[in-house]
Protein backbone atom coordinates (compact mmCIF):
# COMPACT_ATOMS: atom_id res chain seq x y z
CA MET A 1 -26.25 12.96 -9.80
CA VAL A 2 -26.12 9.35 -8.57
CA LYS A 3 -24.47 7.01 -11.05
CA ASN A 4 -26.36 3.93 -12.16
CA THR A 5 -25.57 0.62 -10.50
CA ALA A 6 -24.52 -2.09 -12.95
CA GLU A 7 -24.00 -5.03 -10.61
CA ILE A 8 -24.00 -6.28 -7.05
CA VAL A 9 -20.82 -7.99 -5.82
CA TYR A 10 -19.76 -9.75 -2.66
CA ALA A 11 -17.51 -7.94 -0.20
CA VAL A 12 -16.19 -8.18 3.35
CA GLY A 13 -17.26 -5.25 5.50
CA VAL A 14 -19.56 -3.95 8.21
CA THR A 15 -23.05 -2.44 8.04
CA ASN A 16 -23.26 -0.94 11.52
CA SER A 17 -20.95 0.28 14.27
CA THR A 18 -21.22 -2.79 16.50
CA GLU A 19 -20.86 -5.76 14.18
CA LYS A 20 -17.70 -7.56 13.18
CA LEU A 21 -16.55 -8.12 9.62
CA ARG A 22 -18.91 -10.27 7.59
CA LEU A 23 -19.93 -11.13 4.04
CA ILE A 24 -22.06 -8.36 2.54
CA GLU A 25 -23.29 -7.32 -0.89
CA ILE A 26 -22.37 -3.93 -2.38
CA PRO A 27 -23.19 -2.09 -5.62
CA ARG A 28 -20.70 -1.20 -8.33
CA ARG A 29 -21.46 1.51 -10.88
CA GLU A 30 -21.80 1.19 -14.61
CA VAL A 31 -18.58 1.45 -16.60
CA GLY A 32 -18.43 5.04 -17.83
CA GLU A 33 -16.57 6.42 -20.83
CA THR A 34 -13.22 6.62 -19.04
CA ASP A 35 -13.80 3.81 -16.51
CA VAL A 36 -12.08 0.47 -16.06
CA ARG A 37 -13.85 -2.48 -14.43
CA ILE A 38 -11.44 -4.68 -12.49
CA LYS A 39 -12.06 -8.21 -11.30
CA ILE A 40 -10.11 -8.16 -8.06
CA GLN A 41 -7.65 -11.00 -7.56
CA TYR A 42 -5.84 -9.87 -4.41
CA THR A 43 -6.07 -7.05 -1.89
CA GLY A 44 -3.38 -6.18 0.64
CA ILE A 45 -4.27 -5.75 4.29
CA CYS A 46 -2.55 -2.82 5.99
CA HIS A 47 -2.80 -1.19 9.38
CA SER A 48 -4.80 1.66 7.82
CA ASP A 49 -7.62 -0.80 7.14
CA LEU A 50 -7.65 -1.80 10.80
CA HIS A 51 -7.71 1.83 11.99
CA PHE A 52 -10.59 2.47 9.60
CA ILE A 53 -12.78 -0.51 10.51
CA CYS A 54 -12.18 0.05 14.25
CA GLN A 55 -13.34 3.68 13.78
CA GLU A 56 -10.09 5.05 15.17
CA TRP A 57 -10.21 7.72 12.45
CA GLY A 58 -13.78 8.72 13.22
CA PRO A 59 -17.29 7.33 12.71
CA LEU A 60 -18.02 5.28 9.61
CA GLU A 61 -20.54 5.63 6.84
CA PHE A 62 -22.22 2.31 6.15
CA PRO A 63 -21.74 -0.06 4.50
CA ALA A 64 -17.99 0.20 5.11
CA VAL A 65 -15.49 -1.80 3.05
CA ALA A 66 -11.71 -1.35 3.43
CA GLY A 67 -8.89 -2.24 1.03
CA GLN A 68 -6.58 0.12 -0.86
CA GLU A 69 -3.88 -2.21 -2.22
CA ILE A 70 -5.76 -3.79 -5.10
CA VAL A 71 -4.52 -6.05 -7.88
CA GLY A 72 -6.79 -7.52 -10.52
CA ILE A 73 -7.63 -8.14 -14.16
CA VAL A 74 -9.42 -5.69 -16.46
CA THR A 75 -12.75 -7.17 -17.61
CA ASN A 76 -14.38 -4.12 -19.20
CA VAL A 77 -13.38 -0.63 -20.33
CA GLY A 78 -15.22 2.49 -21.38
CA SER A 79 -15.20 3.76 -24.96
CA GLY A 80 -12.70 6.51 -24.11
CA VAL A 81 -10.15 4.36 -22.29
CA SER A 82 -6.74 4.26 -23.97
CA LYS A 83 -4.30 3.17 -21.22
CA HIS A 84 -5.72 -0.25 -20.37
CA LYS A 85 -7.44 -3.10 -22.19
CA ILE A 86 -9.40 -6.20 -21.28
CA GLY A 87 -7.11 -8.86 -19.85
CA ASP A 88 -4.49 -6.44 -18.50
CA ALA A 89 -3.13 -6.92 -14.98
CA VAL A 90 -3.65 -3.66 -13.09
CA GLY A 91 -3.58 -2.15 -9.63
CA VAL A 92 -5.39 0.52 -7.63
CA GLY A 93 -3.88 2.40 -4.71
CA CYS A 94 -5.20 4.77 -2.07
CA SER A 95 -7.08 7.21 -4.33
CA VAL A 96 -9.55 6.84 -7.19
CA ASP A 97 -10.31 10.43 -8.24
CA SER A 98 -9.48 14.11 -7.76
CA CYS A 99 -10.52 17.45 -9.24
CA ARG A 100 -7.91 17.11 -12.08
CA ILE A 101 -7.62 20.91 -12.49
CA CYS A 102 -5.92 22.41 -9.42
CA THR A 103 -2.19 23.16 -9.37
CA ASN A 104 -1.38 19.96 -7.47
CA CYS A 105 -3.37 17.75 -9.84
CA SER A 106 -1.75 19.41 -12.85
CA ARG A 107 1.68 18.33 -11.57
CA TYR A 108 0.56 14.75 -10.89
CA ALA A 109 0.17 15.27 -7.13
CA GLU A 110 -3.43 14.04 -7.01
CA PRO A 111 -3.30 12.84 -3.36
CA TYR A 112 -2.73 16.50 -2.44
CA CYS A 113 -5.61 17.82 -4.56
CA LYS A 114 -6.78 21.18 -3.20
CA ASN A 115 -10.42 20.60 -4.01
CA ARG A 116 -11.48 16.96 -3.84
CA VAL A 117 -9.44 13.87 -3.08
CA VAL A 118 -11.53 10.72 -3.50
CA GLU A 119 -9.89 7.94 -1.55
CA THR A 120 -10.44 4.28 -2.41
CA TYR A 121 -12.72 3.84 0.56
CA HIS A 122 -14.94 6.10 2.68
CA SER A 123 -14.84 9.23 0.50
CA PRO A 124 -17.97 11.02 -0.79
CA THR A 125 -18.88 9.92 -4.31
CA ASP A 126 -21.74 9.87 -6.79
CA ASP A 127 -21.85 6.08 -6.69
CA ALA A 128 -24.98 4.47 -5.29
CA VAL A 129 -24.22 4.34 -1.55
CA GLY A 130 -22.76 7.86 -1.50
CA HIS A 131 -19.19 6.92 -0.54
CA THR A 132 -16.40 4.77 -1.94
CA LEU A 133 -16.11 1.09 -1.06
CA GLY A 134 -12.68 -0.54 -1.06
CA GLY A 135 -10.94 -3.62 -2.35
CA TYR A 136 -12.19 -6.27 0.07
CA SER A 137 -14.63 -7.06 -2.73
CA GLN A 138 -14.96 -9.04 -5.95
CA ALA A 139 -14.77 -6.09 -8.34
CA ILE A 140 -14.29 -2.34 -8.55
CA VAL A 141 -14.84 0.35 -11.21
CA VAL A 142 -12.21 3.11 -11.37
CA ASP A 143 -11.35 5.93 -13.76
CA GLU A 144 -8.39 4.93 -15.96
CA GLU A 145 -6.25 7.82 -14.68
CA PHE A 146 -6.14 6.13 -11.27
CA VAL A 147 -5.48 2.61 -12.53
CA LEU A 148 -1.88 1.37 -12.52
CA SER A 149 -0.33 -1.03 -15.03
CA ILE A 150 1.33 -4.10 -13.50
CA PRO A 151 4.45 -5.23 -15.43
CA LYS A 152 3.91 -8.65 -16.98
CA ASN A 153 6.99 -10.20 -15.40
CA LEU A 154 5.85 -9.51 -11.84
CA ASP A 155 3.94 -12.24 -9.97
CA LEU A 156 0.74 -10.39 -9.42
CA ALA A 157 29.14 6.46 -3.87
CA GLY A 158 28.56 4.69 -0.84
CA ASN A 159 25.56 5.94 1.10
CA HIS A 160 24.34 4.27 4.26
CA VAL A 161 20.57 3.73 4.12
CA ALA A 162 18.62 2.84 7.27
CA VAL A 163 15.08 1.46 6.91
CA LEU A 164 12.95 1.78 10.03
CA GLY A 165 10.41 -1.01 10.43
CA LEU A 166 10.33 -4.40 8.73
CA GLY A 167 6.69 -4.64 7.74
CA GLY A 168 4.99 -4.40 4.36
CA LEU A 169 6.59 -1.09 3.43
CA GLY A 170 9.87 -1.58 5.29
CA HIS A 171 10.82 -4.85 3.65
CA MET A 172 10.17 -3.32 0.23
CA GLY A 173 12.33 -0.33 1.15
CA LEU A 174 15.13 -2.72 2.07
CA LEU A 175 14.75 -4.71 -1.16
CA LEU A 176 14.77 -1.51 -3.23
CA SER A 177 17.80 -0.05 -1.50
CA ASN A 178 19.61 -3.37 -1.79
CA ASN A 179 18.87 -3.53 -5.53
CA ALA A 180 19.88 0.08 -6.18
CA ILE A 181 23.10 -0.31 -4.23
CA SER A 182 24.25 -3.73 -5.39
CA LYS A 183 23.53 -2.98 -9.06
CA LYS A 184 24.53 0.69 -8.85
CA LYS A 185 21.08 1.82 -9.90
CA LYS A 186 19.30 5.00 -8.91
CA PHE A 187 16.18 4.75 -6.83
CA PRO A 188 12.88 5.37 -8.60
CA PRO A 189 11.34 8.79 -7.89
CA ILE A 190 9.11 7.37 -5.16
CA LEU A 191 12.30 7.38 -3.08
CA ASN A 192 13.51 10.63 -4.60
CA SER A 193 15.37 11.72 -1.49
CA CYS A 194 17.60 8.65 -1.92
CA GLN A 195 18.43 8.96 -5.61
CA ALA A 196 22.15 9.35 -4.88
CA CYS A 197 22.38 5.87 -3.39
CA SER A 198 24.87 3.81 -5.38
CA GLY A 199 28.21 2.07 -5.14
CA SER A 200 29.40 0.17 -2.08
CA ALA A 201 26.77 1.40 0.32
CA GLN A 202 25.49 -0.17 3.49
CA LYS A 203 21.93 -0.99 4.41
CA SER A 204 20.83 -1.05 8.03
CA GLN A 205 17.50 -2.27 9.34
CA SER A 206 16.07 -0.76 12.51
CA SER A 207 13.55 -2.99 14.23
CA ARG A 208 11.69 -3.08 17.53
CA SER A 209 12.71 -6.62 18.37
CA SER A 210 15.42 -9.13 17.61
CA GLY A 211 12.85 -11.55 16.13
CA ARG A 212 13.19 -9.87 12.74
CA THR A 213 17.00 -9.88 12.65
CA GLU A 214 17.36 -13.02 10.56
CA ASP A 215 14.67 -11.82 8.14
CA ALA A 216 16.43 -8.48 7.70
CA TYR A 217 19.73 -10.15 6.82
CA LYS A 218 18.01 -12.44 4.31
CA LEU A 219 16.56 -9.35 2.62
CA GLY A 220 20.03 -7.83 2.24
CA ALA A 221 20.65 -5.75 5.37
CA SER A 222 24.31 -5.40 6.30
CA ASN A 223 23.50 -4.48 9.88
CA VAL A 224 20.47 -4.66 12.17
CA ILE A 225 19.88 -2.16 14.96
CA ILE A 226 17.28 -3.04 17.59
CA THR A 227 15.75 0.28 18.60
CA SER A 228 15.43 -0.83 22.22
CA ASP A 229 19.16 -1.60 22.37
CA THR A 230 20.48 1.70 23.77
CA ALA A 231 24.16 0.83 23.34
CA ALA A 232 23.74 -0.23 19.70
CA PHE A 233 21.69 2.87 18.96
CA GLN A 234 24.35 5.15 20.47
CA ALA A 235 27.09 3.34 18.55
CA ALA A 236 25.25 4.14 15.30
CA THR A 237 25.10 7.89 16.03
CA ASP A 238 26.15 10.07 13.09
CA THR A 239 26.61 7.14 10.69
CA VAL A 240 23.55 7.23 8.43
CA ASP A 241 22.99 9.21 5.23
CA TYR A 242 19.31 8.39 4.77
CA ILE A 243 16.57 7.00 6.97
CA LEU A 244 13.42 5.63 5.35
CA ASP A 245 10.80 5.67 8.11
CA THR A 246 7.91 3.28 7.37
CA VAL A 247 6.47 3.03 10.89
CA SER A 248 2.89 4.31 11.30
CA ALA A 249 2.70 3.89 15.09
CA LYS A 250 3.95 6.55 17.51
CA HIS A 251 7.74 6.47 17.82
CA ASP A 252 10.67 8.66 18.85
CA ILE A 253 11.70 10.76 15.83
CA ASP A 254 14.27 12.69 17.89
CA ALA A 255 16.17 9.48 18.61
CA LEU A 256 16.21 8.58 14.93
CA ILE A 257 17.66 11.93 13.96
CA THR A 258 20.72 11.26 16.11
CA LEU A 259 21.67 8.48 13.68
CA LEU A 260 21.91 10.91 10.76
CA LYS A 261 25.08 12.55 9.56
CA THR A 262 25.09 16.36 9.43
CA ASP A 263 23.58 16.47 5.94
CA GLY A 264 21.54 13.29 6.32
CA LYS A 265 17.89 13.02 5.35
CA LEU A 266 14.88 11.49 7.09
CA VAL A 267 12.24 10.30 4.61
CA GLU A 268 8.78 9.46 5.91
CA VAL A 269 6.39 7.43 3.79
CA LEU A 270 3.20 9.43 3.25
CA LEU A 271 0.83 9.72 0.30
CA VAL A 272 2.26 8.80 -3.08
CA GLU A 273 1.32 10.23 -6.44
CA ILE A 274 -0.11 8.05 -9.22
CA LYS A 275 2.73 8.90 -11.61
CA GLU A 276 5.38 7.99 -9.04
CA THR A 277 3.59 4.78 -8.10
CA GLN A 278 3.59 3.72 -11.74
CA GLU A 279 7.31 4.51 -11.97
CA MET A 280 7.88 2.39 -8.88
CA LEU A 281 6.01 -0.55 -10.41
CA ASP A 282 7.96 -0.19 -13.65
CA PHE A 283 11.23 -0.13 -11.67
CA CYS A 284 10.22 -3.28 -9.77
CA GLY A 285 9.25 -4.98 -13.02
CA LYS A 286 12.53 -4.08 -14.68
CA HIS A 287 14.58 -5.45 -11.79
CA GLY A 288 12.33 -8.32 -10.74
CA ILE A 289 11.56 -6.96 -7.27
CA THR A 290 8.49 -8.46 -5.58
CA SER A 291 7.21 -8.26 -2.04
CA ALA A 292 7.13 -11.11 0.45
CA ILE A 293 3.53 -11.88 1.36
CA GLU A 294 1.37 -14.25 3.35
CA LEU A 295 -1.72 -15.15 1.33
CA ILE A 296 -4.85 -15.13 3.50
CA SER A 297 -8.21 -16.75 2.89
CA VAL A 298 -11.00 -14.18 3.16
CA ASN A 299 -12.68 -16.13 5.96
CA LYS A 300 -9.57 -15.43 8.12
CA THR A 301 -9.86 -11.62 7.86
CA GLU A 302 -10.87 -11.04 11.50
CA GLN A 303 -8.08 -13.29 12.74
CA THR A 304 -5.64 -11.47 10.48
CA PHE A 305 -6.63 -8.10 11.96
CA GLU A 306 -5.86 -9.55 15.40
CA ARG A 307 -2.45 -10.71 14.18
CA ILE A 308 -1.72 -7.21 12.87
CA LEU A 309 -2.45 -5.81 16.34
CA LYS A 310 0.12 -8.26 17.73
CA SER A 311 2.67 -7.41 14.99
CA ASP A 312 2.50 -11.06 13.94
CA VAL A 313 3.12 -10.47 10.23
CA LYS A 314 5.94 -11.10 7.75
CA PHE A 315 5.73 -9.01 5.70
CA ARG A 316 2.42 -8.18 4.09
CA PHE A 317 -0.94 -9.92 4.42
CA VAL A 318 -2.81 -10.28 1.13
CA LEU A 319 -6.41 -11.41 0.82
CA ASP A 320 -7.08 -14.05 -1.83
CA ILE A 321 -10.19 -12.34 -3.17
CA ALA A 322 -10.60 -14.30 -6.41
CA GLY A 323 -9.98 -17.66 -4.76
CA THR A 324 -11.91 -17.37 -1.50
CA LEU A 325 -14.60 -14.64 -1.69
CA ASN A 326 -18.00 -15.94 -2.78
CA LYS A 327 -21.60 -16.29 -1.63
CA ASP A 328 -20.67 -19.06 0.81
CA THR A 329 -17.88 -17.15 2.57
CA VAL A 330 -18.22 -17.01 6.35
CA ILE A 331 -15.83 -14.77 8.30
CA GLU A 332 -14.47 -16.77 11.21
CA GLU A 333 -14.61 -15.03 14.58
CA ILE A 334 -11.60 -14.80 16.87
C-alpha cells in the first residue's frame, strides 16, 4: 500500500539517465506513528553517491536522489516515538528500514537483514515514487529506529595502528586511534577489532601521494608511508598490529598484508549497524572528536563530484542543505 504524501520538498537529483544534477521536487510521506520528520541541515558527499548517480552500480529508478550522511533537526514525530523529540539534532546513515524480525535484525545487524534492507536511497519502498530518495533534499521522514542521536556538544599496551587512506573515513580513523591511544581509551565497538589499542602506541598513515603527509601529521600520525614508495613499504614489513582500510577503490590487499605482524588484523570498513553507529557518535561526543569538512554550496554539487574524481578533497565534502537549497537553486555545470 502506497503511503500518503504529506509534502513536496526541493532536492538535487536526476530524472532521466542523460541529464546532469539539477533542482527537482520530490514527495515526502506523512509522519507515521513511529516516524521522525527531519529538516536536513547538512548532507555528506561520498564516493558512493558518485558511483550511484553515474550508474556505475546499475541503472537508476527515477527520480534519483543520493545522500546517506544526513544531519538535521527533528520537526515532527509520530505518536509512538519515544527516542527523539522536536528540536533534537539527529542523523541518518545508509539504511532506513529492515524486516526487524530475522536473526540479524534481532542482534542489531540491520544492514545484514536477511529479508529486506531498505537503504537511504534507491531501495524499494511504499513511499510515493516507489523507492527511497536520499539526503540531497530539504527534509526526510524516517522510522525512529533508524534515526541517530547527535550529542549536543558536537558541532553538527602499545599497538601500532595503520590507517589506509586519508579521506572522509580515513581521517576519522586516525583521529579515533589517536584519541584512544593518547588518552588510553578503548575504541568504540565500531572499531571492535582494535579495542586493545592503548598505551604508547604508534599511528601510521598510508597514503597514495606525499601531498597528504603534512595533513596526516597534523591529525596525529607518527609516521606516514606513501604506498608508491617501495623502499618505505618494505621497511614497514611486519611492524603493524592493525590496519584500518578505508579505501573504496581497487588496491593491492596482498601488499598491505605484508605490513602486518603474525597475529595482526586487517579491518575493512563495510556496512555498520545502527547500534554501533550510535555508540560511535556517543564516543565522539564524549571525547570531542569531530571530522574535518569542506562546506559546499548546493549549486556546486556537480563541480564537487568532479573534484572527488580527482581526489581533490580534504577530508569530507558536506552540502549546506539548509543554507543553500531552495526554489532558486541552480546547479552550476562544470
